[in-house]
Amino acid sequence: MLSLINTFQANSLYNSVLQTEMANVVSYFQNTTNQALLSTNCTAFMTNLKTAKLADKVAAQARDQIASDIRRQFKQAALNATGLKPPNEFDSSESKEHRF
């Protein structure tokens, strides 16, 4: 696992995503205490790994909420600037990542 993490970290694009999406899991795997735990107490290792994964999931949900708020505020600013009322050209059938 550490070899895979090191490979990803060597690539700036992969590392950026890794640090954004899996920061807690990566930190967990890189911790020498946790590495030792894997060979001495697999159950505890897995329990703690689940906790790290949950922390990454919660962080992702928070990022998604912030992104949603940003999109909403951009859309509202565009509506305020143009005086348009929904539905309008700012309402789009595009995926949520590409629309206001």
PDB file of N, CA and C in Angstrom:
ATOM      1  N   MET A   1       0.820  -1.190   0.000  1.00  0.00           N
ATOM      2  CA  MET A   1       0.000   0.000   0.000  1.00  0.00           C
ATOM      3  C   MET A   1       0.869   1.262   0.000  1.00  0.00           C
ATOM      4  N   LEU A   2       1.939   1.235   0.784  1.00  0.00           N
ATOM      5  CA  LEU A   2       2.821   2.402   0.833  1.00  0.00           C
ATOM      6  C   LEU A   2       3.474   2.662  -0.517  1.00  0.00           C
ATOM      7  N   SER A   3       3.799   1.598  -1.223  1.00  0.00           N
ATOM      8  CA  SER A   3       4.386   1.755  -2.557  1.00  0.00           C
ATOM      9  C   SER A   3       3.407   2.448  -3.495  1.00  0.00           C
ATOM     10  N   LEU A   4       2.156   2.061  -3.431  1.00  0.00           N
ATOM     11  CA  LEU A   4       1.126   2.683  -4.263  1.00  0.00           C
ATOM     12  C   LEU A   4       0.947   4.155  -3.885  1.00  0.00           C
ATOM     13  N   ILE A   5       0.901   4.435  -2.607  1.00  0.00           N
ATOM     14  CA  ILE A   5       0.779   5.820  -2.141  1.00  0.00           C
ATOM     15  C   ILE A   5       1.967   6.644  -2.633  1.00  0.00           C
ATOM     16  N   ASN A   6       3.177   6.090  -2.508  1.00  0.00           N
ATOM     17  CA  ASN A   6       4.374   6.801  -2.967  1.00  0.00           C
ATOM     18  C   ASN A   6       4.318   7.074  -4.465  1.00  0.00           C
ATOM     19  N   THR A   7       3.824   6.108  -5.231  1.00  0.00           N
ATOM     20  CA  THR A   7       3.688   6.291  -6.679  1.00  0.00           C
ATOM     21  C   THR A   7       2.721   7.423  -6.979  1.00  0.00           C
ATOM     22  N   PHE A   8       1.591   7.429  -6.297  1.00  0.00           N
ATOM     23  CA  PHE A   8       0.608   8.497  -6.503  1.00  0.00           C
ATOM     24  C   PHE A   8       1.169   9.854  -6.088  1.00  0.00           C
ATOM     25  N   GLN A   9       1.887   9.886  -4.989  1.00  0.00           N
ATOM     26  CA  GLN A   9       2.427  11.150  -4.504  1.00  0.00           C
ATOM     27  C   GLN A   9       3.510  11.706  -5.427  1.00  0.00           C
ATOM     28  N   ALA A  10       4.151  10.848  -6.188  1.00  0.00           N
ATOM     29  CA  ALA A  10       5.178  11.300  -7.122  1.00  0.00           C
ATOM     30  C   ALA A  10       4.582  12.014  -8.335  1.00  0.00           C
ATOM     31  N   ASN A  11       3.303  11.811  -8.574  1.00  0.00           N
ATOM     32  CA  ASN A  11       2.607  12.462  -9.685  1.00  0.00           C
ATOM     33  C   ASN A  11       1.790  13.607  -9.096  1.00  0.00           C
ATOM     34  N   SER A  12       2.097  14.839  -9.475  1.00  0.00           N
ATOM     35  CA  SER A  12       1.465  15.997  -8.832  1.00  0.00           C
ATOM     36  C   SER A  12      -0.055  15.995  -8.982  1.00  0.00           C
ATOM     37  N   LEU A  13      -0.564  15.554 -10.122  1.00  0.00           N
ATOM     38  CA  LEU A  13      -2.012  15.517 -10.316  1.00  0.00           C
ATOM     39  C   LEU A  13      -2.654  14.477  -9.402  1.00  0.00           C
ATOM     40  N   TYR A  14      -2.087  13.280  -9.372  1.00  0.00           N
ATOM     41  CA  TYR A  14      -2.608  12.228  -8.500  1.00  0.00           C
ATOM     42  C   TYR A  14      -2.473  12.625  -7.034  1.00  0.00           C
ATOM     43  N   ASN A  15      -1.343  13.227  -6.693  1.00  0.00           N
ATOM     44  CA  ASN A  15      -1.120  13.628  -5.308  1.00  0.00           C
ATOM     45  C   ASN A  15      -2.146  14.658  -4.860  1.00  0.00           C
ATOM     46  N   SER A  16      -2.465  15.588  -5.737  1.00  0.00           N
ATOM     47  CA  SER A  16      -3.464  16.604  -5.407  1.00  0.00           C
ATOM     48  C   SER A  16      -4.811  15.963  -5.082  1.00  0.00           C
ATOM     49  N   VAL A  17      -5.229  15.028  -5.911  1.00  0.00           N
ATOM     50  CA  VAL A  17      -6.502  14.333  -5.671  1.00  0.00           C
ATOM     51  C   VAL A  17      -6.401  13.478  -4.417  1.00  0.00           C
ATOM     52  N   LEU A  18      -5.296  12.788  -4.264  1.00  0.00           N
ATOM     53  CA  LEU A  18      -5.090  11.931  -3.098  1.00  0.00           C
ATOM     54  C   LEU A  18      -5.194  12.731  -1.806  1.00  0.00           C
ATOM     55  N   GLN A  19      -4.556  13.894  -1.769  1.00  0.00           N
ATOM     56  CA  GLN A  19      -4.581  14.714  -0.561  1.00  0.00           C
ATOM     57  C   GLN A  19      -5.940  15.352  -0.309  1.00  0.00           C
ATOM     58  N   THR A  20      -6.703  15.568  -1.371  1.00  0.00           N
ATOM     59  CA  THR A  20      -8.039  16.139  -1.205  1.00  0.00           C
ATOM     60  C   THR A  20      -9.049  15.075  -0.807  1.00  0.00           C
ATOM     61  N   GLU A  21      -8.989  13.932  -1.459  1.00  0.00           N
ATOM     62  CA  GLU A  21     -10.020  12.909  -1.290  1.00  0.00           C
ATOM     63  C   GLU A  21      -9.714  11.866  -0.216  1.00  0.00           C
ATOM     64  N   MET A  22      -8.437  11.631   0.065  1.00  0.00           N
ATOM     65  CA  MET A  22      -8.082  10.534   0.968  1.00  0.00           C
ATOM     66  C   MET A  22      -6.999  10.918   1.975  1.00  0.00           C
ATOM     67  N   ALA A  23      -6.996  12.142   2.409  1.00  0.00           N
ATOM     68  CA  ALA A  23      -5.929  12.626   3.295  1.00  0.00           C
ATOM     69  C   ALA A  23      -5.816  11.804   4.575  1.00  0.00           C
ATOM     70  N   ASN A  24      -6.946  11.475   5.177  1.00  0.00           N
ATOM     71  CA  ASN A  24      -6.915  10.725   6.435  1.00  0.00           C
ATOM     72  C   ASN A  24      -6.468   9.285   6.234  1.00  0.00           C
ATOM     73  N   VAL A  25      -6.920   8.667   5.155  1.00  0.00           N
ATOM     74  CA  VAL A  25      -6.523   7.284   4.870  1.00  0.00           C
ATOM     75  C   VAL A  25      -5.027   7.218   4.570  1.00  0.00           C
ATOM     76  N   VAL A  26      -4.531   8.145   3.763  1.00  0.00           N
ATOM     77  CA  VAL A  26      -3.099   8.173   3.446  1.00  0.00           C
ATOM     78  C   VAL A  26      -2.288   8.360   4.722  1.00  0.00           C
ATOM     79  N   SER A  27      -2.684   9.307   5.533  1.00  0.00           N
ATOM     80  CA  SER A  27      -1.987   9.552   6.792  1.00  0.00           C
ATOM     81  C   SER A  27      -2.016   8.310   7.683  1.00  0.00           C
ATOM     82  N   TYR A  28      -3.150   7.632   7.691  1.00  0.00           N
ATOM     83  CA  TYR A  28      -3.291   6.419   8.496  1.00  0.00           C
ATOM     84  C   TYR A  28      -2.299   5.349   8.037  1.00  0.00           C
ATOM     85  N   PHE A  29      -2.242   5.112   6.721  1.00  0.00           N
ATOM     86  CA  PHE A  29      -1.332   4.095   6.201  1.00  0.00           C
ATOM     87  C   PHE A  29       0.129   4.464   6.423  1.00  0.00           C
ATOM     88  N   GLN A  30       0.456   5.733   6.379  1.00  0.00           N
ATOM     89  CA  GLN A  30       1.843   6.166   6.520  1.00  0.00           C
ATOM     90  C   GLN A  30       2.324   6.183   7.966  1.00  0.00           C
ATOM     91  N   ASN A  31       1.415   6.106   8.911  1.00  0.00           N
ATOM     92  CA  ASN A  31       1.765   6.129  10.321  1.00  0.00           C
ATOM     93  C   ASN A  31       2.403   4.791  10.713  1.00  0.00           C
ATOM     94  N   THR A  32       3.620   4.837  11.239  1.00  0.00           N
ATOM     95  CA  THR A  32       4.339   3.597  11.562  1.00  0.00           C
ATOM     96  C   THR A  32       3.653   2.788  12.659  1.00  0.00           C
ATOM     97  N   THR A  33       2.981   3.440  13.575  1.00  0.00           N
ATOM     98  CA  THR A  33       2.234   2.720  14.607  1.00  0.00           C
ATOM     99  C   THR A  33       1.118   1.898  13.972  1.00  0.00           C
ATOM    100  N   ASN A  34       0.430   2.491  13.021  1.00  0.00           N
ATOM    101  CA  ASN A  34      -0.640   1.763  12.331  1.00  0.00           C
ATOM    102  C   ASN A  34      -0.082   0.637  11.474  1.00  0.00           C
ATOM    103  N   GLN A  35       1.083   0.844  10.874  1.00  0.00           N
ATOM    104  CA  GLN A  35       1.718  -0.213  10.089  1.00  0.00           C
ATOM    105  C   GLN A  35       2.018  -1.419  10.973  1.00  0.00           C
ATOM    106  N   ALA A  36       2.514  -1.169  12.173  1.00  0.00           N
ATOM    107  CA  ALA A  36       2.793  -2.255  13.114  1.00  0.00           C
ATOM    108  C   ALA A  36       1.501  -2.922  13.571  1.00  0.00           C
ATOM    109  N   LEU A  37       0.467  -2.129  13.737  1.00  0.00           N
ATOM    110  CA  LEU A  37      -0.821  -2.656  14.176  1.00  0.00           C
ATOM    111  C   LEU A  37      -1.375  -3.673  13.184  1.00  0.00           C
ATOM    112  N   LEU A  38      -1.114  -3.479  11.915  1.00  0.00           N
ATOM    113  CA  LEU A  38      -1.608  -4.398  10.893  1.00  0.00           C
ATOM    114  C   LEU A  38      -1.117  -5.819  11.143  1.00  0.00           C
ATOM    115  N   SER A  39       0.113  -5.965  11.599  1.00  0.00           N
ATOM    116  CA  SER A  39       0.640  -7.314  11.825  1.00  0.00           C
ATOM    117  C   SER A  39       0.360  -7.842  13.226  1.00  0.00           C
ATOM    118  N   THR A  40      -0.026  -6.975  14.156  1.00  0.00           N
ATOM    119  CA  THR A  40      -0.259  -7.432  15.527  1.00  0.00           C
ATOM    120  C   THR A  40      -1.730  -7.501  15.916  1.00  0.00           C
ATOM    121  N   ASN A  41      -2.557  -6.647  15.316  1.00  0.00           N
ATOM    122  CA  ASN A  41      -3.972  -6.618  15.677  1.00  0.00           C
ATOM    123  C   ASN A  41      -4.776  -6.146  14.468  1.00  0.00           C
ATOM    124  N   CYS A  42      -5.035  -7.081  13.588  1.00  0.00           N
ATOM    125  CA  CYS A  42      -5.702  -6.753  12.320  1.00  0.00           C
ATOM    126  C   CYS A  42      -7.086  -6.147  12.548  1.00  0.00           C
ATOM    127  N   THR A  43      -7.795  -6.622  13.554  1.00  0.00           N
ATOM    128  CA  THR A  43      -9.136  -6.092  13.831  1.00  0.00           C
ATOM    129  C   THR A  43      -9.067  -4.614  14.195  1.00  0.00           C
ATOM    130  N   ALA A  44      -8.139  -4.258  15.073  1.00  0.00           N
ATOM    131  CA  ALA A  44      -7.981  -2.850  15.460  1.00  0.00           C
ATOM    132  C   ALA A  44      -7.533  -2.017  14.262  1.00  0.00           C
ATOM    133  N   PHE A  45      -6.632  -2.580  13.455  1.00  0.00           N
ATOM    134  CA  PHE A  45      -6.179  -1.864  12.260  1.00  0.00           C
ATOM    135  C   PHE A  45      -7.366  -1.533  11.365  1.00  0.00           C
ATOM    136  N   MET A  46      -8.216  -2.511  11.098  1.00  0.00           N
ATOM    137  CA  MET A  46      -9.358  -2.308  10.208  1.00  0.00           C
ATOM    138  C   MET A  46     -10.378  -1.350  10.818  1.00  0.00           C
ATOM    139  N   THR A  47     -10.607  -1.446  12.110  1.00  0.00           N
ATOM    140  CA  THR A  47     -11.537  -0.533  12.780  1.00  0.00           C
ATOM    141  C   THR A  47     -11.054   0.911  12.644  1.00  0.00           C
ATOM    142  N   ASN A  48      -9.775   1.120  12.899  1.00  0.00           N
ATOM    143  CA  ASN A  48      -9.214   2.464  12.795  1.00  0.00           C
ATOM    144  C   ASN A  48      -9.170   2.953  11.349  1.00  0.00           C
ATOM    145  N   LEU A  49      -8.946   2.034  10.408  1.00  0.00           N
ATOM    146  CA  LEU A  49      -8.963   2.403   8.989  1.00  0.00           C
ATOM    147  C   LEU A  49     -10.363   2.865   8.585  1.00  0.00           C
ATOM    148  N   LYS A  50     -11.377   2.176   9.081  1.00  0.00           N
ATOM    149  CA  LYS A  50     -12.760   2.598   8.796  1.00  0.00           C
ATOM    150  C   LYS A  50     -13.019   4.004   9.332  1.00  0.00           C
ATOM    151  N   THR A  51     -12.457   4.313  10.490  1.00  0.00           N
ATOM    152  CA  THR A  51     -12.604   5.652  11.063  1.00  0.00           C
ATOM    153  C   THR A  51     -11.942   6.697  10.165  1.00  0.00           C
ATOM    154  N   ALA A  52     -10.761   6.379   9.646  1.00  0.00           N
ATOM    155  CA  ALA A  52     -10.069   7.305   8.738  1.00  0.00           C
ATOM    156  C   ALA A  52     -10.872   7.492   7.454  1.00  0.00           C
ATOM    157  N   LYS A  53     -11.424   6.398   6.933  1.00  0.00           N
ATOM    158  CA  LYS A  53     -12.237   6.492   5.712  1.00  0.00           C
ATOM    159  C   LYS A  53     -13.487   7.333   5.960  1.00  0.00           C
ATOM    160  N   LEU A  54     -14.097   7.167   7.125  1.00  0.00           N
ATOM    161  CA  LEU A  54     -15.282   7.953   7.464  1.00  0.00           C
ATOM    162  C   LEU A  54     -14.934   9.437   7.551  1.00  0.00           C
ATOM    163  N   ALA A  55     -13.788   9.746   8.131  1.00  0.00           N
ATOM    164  CA  ALA A  55     -13.358  11.147   8.216  1.00  0.00           C
ATOM    165  C   ALA A  55     -13.189  11.743   6.819  1.00  0.00           C
ATOM    166  N   ASP A  56     -12.633  10.965   5.888  1.00  0.00           N
ATOM    167  CA  ASP A  56     -12.504  11.443   4.504  1.00  0.00           C
ATOM    168  C   ASP A  56     -13.870  11.625   3.858  1.00  0.00           C
ATOM    169  N   LYS A  57     -14.798  10.736   4.160  1.00  0.00           N
ATOM    170  CA  LYS A  57     -16.156  10.844   3.603  1.00  0.00           C
ATOM    171  C   LYS A  57     -16.854  12.100   4.128  1.00  0.00           C
ATOM    172  N   VAL A  58     -16.731  12.356   5.418  1.00  0.00           N
ATOM    173  CA  VAL A  58     -17.339  13.548   6.019  1.00  0.00           C
ATOM    174  C   VAL A  58     -16.732  14.812   5.404  1.00  0.00           C
ATOM    175  N   ALA A  59     -15.424  14.804   5.206  1.00  0.00           N
ATOM    176  CA  ALA A  59     -14.761  15.956   4.583  1.00  0.00           C
ATOM    177  C   ALA A  59     -15.255  16.155   3.151  1.00  0.00           C
ATOM    178  N   ALA A  60     -15.460  15.061   2.418  1.00  0.00           N
ATOM    179  CA  ALA A  60     -15.970  15.156   1.044  1.00  0.00           C
ATOM    180  C   ALA A  60     -17.381  15.731   1.032  1.00  0.00           C
ATOM    181  N   GLN A  61     -18.198  15.315   1.983  1.00  0.00           N
ATOM    182  CA  GLN A  61     -19.557  15.853   2.070  1.00  0.00           C
ATOM    183  C   GLN A  61     -19.525  17.348   2.368  1.00  0.00           C
ATOM    184  N   ALA A  62     -18.619  17.766   3.221  1.00  0.00           N
ATOM    185  CA  ALA A  62     -18.489  19.196   3.528  1.00  0.00           C
ATOM    186  C   ALA A  62     -18.041  19.965   2.288  1.00  0.00           C
ATOM    187  N   ARG A  63     -17.076  19.413   1.537  1.00  0.00           N
ATOM    188  CA  ARG A  63     -16.638  20.067   0.292  1.00  0.00           C
ATOM    189  C   ARG A  63     -17.785  20.161  -0.703  1.00  0.00           C
ATOM    190  N   ASP A  64     -18.576  19.090  -0.821  1.00  0.00           N
ATOM    191  CA  ASP A  64     -19.723  19.101  -1.735  1.00  0.00           C
ATOM    192  C   ASP A  64     -20.727  20.175  -1.338  1.00  0.00           C
ATOM    193  N   GLN A  65     -20.961  20.329  -0.044  1.00  0.00           N
ATOM    194  CA  GLN A  65     -21.903  21.338   0.433  1.00  0.00           C
ATOM    195  C   GLN A  65     -21.388  22.744   0.126  1.00  0.00           C
ATOM    196  N   ILE A  66     -20.104  22.949   0.334  1.00  0.00           N
ATOM    197  CA  ILE A  66     -19.507  24.250   0.027  1.00  0.00           C
ATOM    198  C   ILE A  66     -19.599  24.531  -1.468  1.00  0.00           C
ATOM    199  N   ALA A  67     -19.305  23.533  -2.302  1.00  0.00           N
ATOM    200  CA  ALA A  67     -19.390  23.709  -3.757  1.00  0.00           C
ATOM    201  C   ALA A  67     -20.819  24.032  -4.177  1.00  0.00           C
ATOM    202  N   SER A  68     -21.783  23.383  -3.555  1.00  0.00           N
ATOM    203  CA  SER A  68     -23.186  23.654  -3.855  1.00  0.00           C
ATOM    204  C   SER A  68     -23.546  25.090  -3.486  1.00  0.00           C
ATOM    205  N   ASP A  69     -23.064  25.538  -2.348  1.00  0.00           N
ATOM    206  CA  ASP A  69     -23.322  26.909  -1.913  1.00  0.00           C
ATOM    207  C   ASP A  69     -22.676  27.915  -2.868  1.00  0.00           C
ATOM    208  N   ILE A  70     -21.467  27.622  -3.310  1.00  0.00           N
ATOM    209  CA  ILE A  70     -20.788  28.504  -4.264  1.00  0.00           C
ATOM    210  C   ILE A  70     -21.582  28.593  -5.559  1.00  0.00           C
ATOM    211  N   ARG A  71     -22.032  27.441  -6.083  1.00  0.00           N
ATOM    212  CA  ARG A  71     -22.831  27.452  -7.319  1.00  0.00           C
ATOM    213  C   ARG A  71     -24.104  28.266  -7.137  1.00  0.00           C
ATOM    214  N   ARG A  72     -24.757  28.094  -5.995  1.00  0.00           N
ATOM    215  CA  ARG A  72     -25.992  28.830  -5.721  1.00  0.00           C
ATOM    216  C   ARG A  72     -25.736  30.331  -5.692  1.00  0.00           C
ATOM    217  N   GLN A  73     -24.643  30.728  -5.040  1.00  0.00           N
ATOM    218  CA  GLN A  73     -24.329  32.154  -4.951  1.00  0.00           C
ATOM    219  C   GLN A  73     -23.935  32.741  -6.306  1.00  0.00           C
ATOM    220  N   PHE A  74     -23.204  31.975  -7.127  1.00  0.00           N
ATOM    221  CA  PHE A  74     -22.889  32.440  -8.482  1.00  0.00           C
ATOM    222  C   PHE A  74     -24.163  32.632  -9.291  1.00  0.00           C
ATOM    223  N   LYS A  75     -25.063  31.677  -9.207  1.00  0.00           N
ATOM    224  CA  LYS A  75     -26.318  31.762  -9.953  1.00  0.00           C
ATOM    225  C   LYS A  75     -27.113  32.978  -9.495  1.00  0.00           C
ATOM    226  N   GLN A  76     -27.181  33.179  -8.182  1.00  0.00           N
ATOM    227  CA  GLN A  76     -27.927  34.318  -7.663  1.00  0.00           C
ATOM    228  C   GLN A  76     -27.289  35.632  -8.098  1.00  0.00           C
ATOM    229  N   ALA A  77     -25.963  35.695  -8.083  1.00  0.00           N
ATOM    230  CA  ALA A  77     -25.274  36.912  -8.526  1.00  0.00           C
ATOM    231  C   ALA A  77     -25.562  37.183  -9.999  1.00  0.00           C
ATOM    232  N   ALA A  78     -25.581  36.136 -10.822  1.00  0.00           N
ATOM    233  CA  ALA A  78     -25.888  36.305 -12.247  1.00  0.00           C
ATOM    234  C   ALA A  78     -27.325  36.772 -12.434  1.00  0.00           C
ATOM    235  N   LEU A  79     -28.236  36.212 -11.667  1.00  0.00           N
ATOM    236  CA  LEU A  79     -29.640  36.635 -11.750  1.00  0.00           C
ATOM    237  C   LEU A  79     -29.792  38.088 -11.314  1.00  0.00           C
ATOM    238  N   ASN A  80     -29.118  38.452 -10.234  1.00  0.00           N
ATOM    239  CA  ASN A  80     -29.189  39.833  -9.752  1.00  0.00           C
ATOM    240  C   ASN A  80     -28.604  40.807 -10.774  1.00  0.00           C
ATOM    241  N   ALA A  81     -27.510  40.415 -11.415  1.00  0.00           N
ATOM    242  CA  ALA A  81     -26.849  41.297 -12.380  1.00  0.00           C
ATOM    243  C   ALA A  81     -27.667  41.479 -13.649  1.00  0.00           C
ATOM    244  N   THR A  82     -28.408  40.451 -14.039  1.00  0.00           N
ATOM    245  CA  THR A  82     -29.156  40.517 -15.304  1.00  0.00           C
ATOM    246  C   THR A  82     -30.625  40.850 -15.108  1.00  0.00           C
ATOM    247  N   GLY A  83     -31.105  40.682 -13.894  1.00  0.00           N
ATOM    248  CA  GLY A  83     -32.523  40.907 -13.638  1.00  0.00           C
ATOM    249  C   GLY A  83     -33.414  39.784 -14.136  1.00  0.00           C
ATOM    250  N   LEU A  84     -32.806  38.674 -14.554  1.00  0.00           N
ATOM    251  CA  LEU A  84     -33.590  37.542 -15.050  1.00  0.00           C
ATOM    252  C   LEU A  84     -34.257  36.807 -13.901  1.00  0.00           C
ATOM    253  N   LYS A  85     -35.340  36.144 -14.214  1.00  0.00           N
ATOM    254  CA  LYS A  85     -36.045  35.297 -13.251  1.00  0.00           C
ATOM    255  C   LYS A  85     -35.983  33.860 -13.762  1.00  0.00           C
ATOM    256  N   PRO A  86     -35.861  32.889 -12.871  1.00  0.00           N
ATOM    257  CA  PRO A  86     -35.839  31.495 -13.320  1.00  0.00           C
ATOM    258  C   PRO A  86     -37.185  31.106 -13.919  1.00  0.00           C
ATOM    259  N   PRO A  87     -37.290  30.167 -14.822  1.00  0.00           N
ATOM    260  CA  PRO A  87     -36.159  29.522 -15.490  1.00  0.00           C
ATOM    261  C   PRO A  87     -35.579  30.427 -16.555  1.00  0.00           C
ATOM    262  N   ASN A  88     -34.276  30.286 -16.785  1.00  0.00           N
ATOM    263  CA  ASN A  88     -33.570  31.102 -17.772  1.00  0.00           C
ATOM    264  C   ASN A  88     -32.338  30.360 -18.252  1.00  0.00           C
ATOM    265  N   GLU A  89     -31.487  31.050 -18.988  1.00  0.00           N
ATOM    266  CA  GLU A  89     -30.319  30.365 -19.549  1.00  0.00           C
ATOM    267  C   GLU A  89     -29.322  29.911 -18.493  1.00  0.00           C
ATOM    268  N   PHE A  90     -29.459  30.383 -17.253  1.00  0.00           N
ATOM    269  CA  PHE A  90     -28.586  29.893 -16.196  1.00  0.00           C
ATOM    270  C   PHE A  90     -29.065  28.557 -15.638  1.00  0.00           C
ATOM    271  N   ASP A  91     -30.315  28.200 -15.926  1.00  0.00           N
ATOM    272  CA  ASP A  91     -30.823  26.884 -15.556  1.00  0.00           C
ATOM    273  C   ASP A  91     -30.398  25.931 -16.655  1.00  0.00           C
ATOM    274  N   SER A  92     -29.691  24.893 -16.286  1.00  0.00           N
ATOM    275  CA  SER A  92     -29.072  24.037 -17.289  1.00  0.00           C
ATOM    276  C   SER A  92     -29.333  22.580 -16.990  1.00  0.00           C
ATOM    277  N   SER A  93     -29.337  21.785 -18.031  1.00  0.00           N
ATOM    278  CA  SER A  93     -29.460  20.344 -17.856  1.00  0.00           C
ATOM    279  C   SER A  93     -28.091  19.690 -17.730  1.00  0.00           C
ATOM    280  N   GLU A  94     -27.031  20.495 -17.706  1.00  0.00           N
ATOM    281  CA  GLU A  94     -25.687  19.955 -17.555  1.00  0.00           C
ATOM    282  C   GLU A  94     -25.530  19.339 -16.172  1.00  0.00           C
ATOM    283  N   SER A  95     -24.490  18.528 -16.030  1.00  0.00           N
ATOM    284  CA  SER A  95     -24.225  17.925 -14.730  1.00  0.00           C
ATOM    285  C   SER A  95     -23.944  19.021 -13.706  1.00  0.00           C
ATOM    286  N   LYS A  96     -24.150  18.711 -12.446  1.00  0.00           N
ATOM    287  CA  LYS A  96     -24.024  19.716 -11.394  1.00  0.00           C
ATOM    288  C   LYS A  96     -22.633  20.333 -11.322  1.00  0.00           C
ATOM    289  N   GLU A  97     -21.615  19.633 -11.800  1.00  0.00           N
ATOM    290  CA  GLU A  97     -20.261  20.155 -11.723  1.00  0.00           C
ATOM    291  C   GLU A  97     -20.022  21.301 -12.694  1.00  0.00           C
ATOM    292  N   HIS A  98     -20.880  21.451 -13.721  1.00  0.00           N
ATOM    293  CA  HIS A  98     -20.610  22.420 -14.772  1.00  0.00           C
ATOM    294  C   HIS A  98     -21.661  23.511 -14.884  1.00  0.00           C
ATOM    295  N   ARG A  99     -22.478  23.653 -13.930  1.00  0.00           N
ATOM    296  CA  ARG A  99     -23.506  24.688 -14.014  1.00  0.00           C
ATOM    297  C   ARG A  99     -23.412  25.592 -12.797  1.00  0.00           C
ATOM    298  N   PHE A 100     -24.081  26.728 -12.908  1.00  0.00           N
ATOM    299  CA  PHE A 100     -24.185  27.603 -11.747  1.00  0.00           C
ATOM    300  C   PHE A 100     -25.197  26.961 -10.868  1.00  0.00           C
TER     301      PHE A 100
END
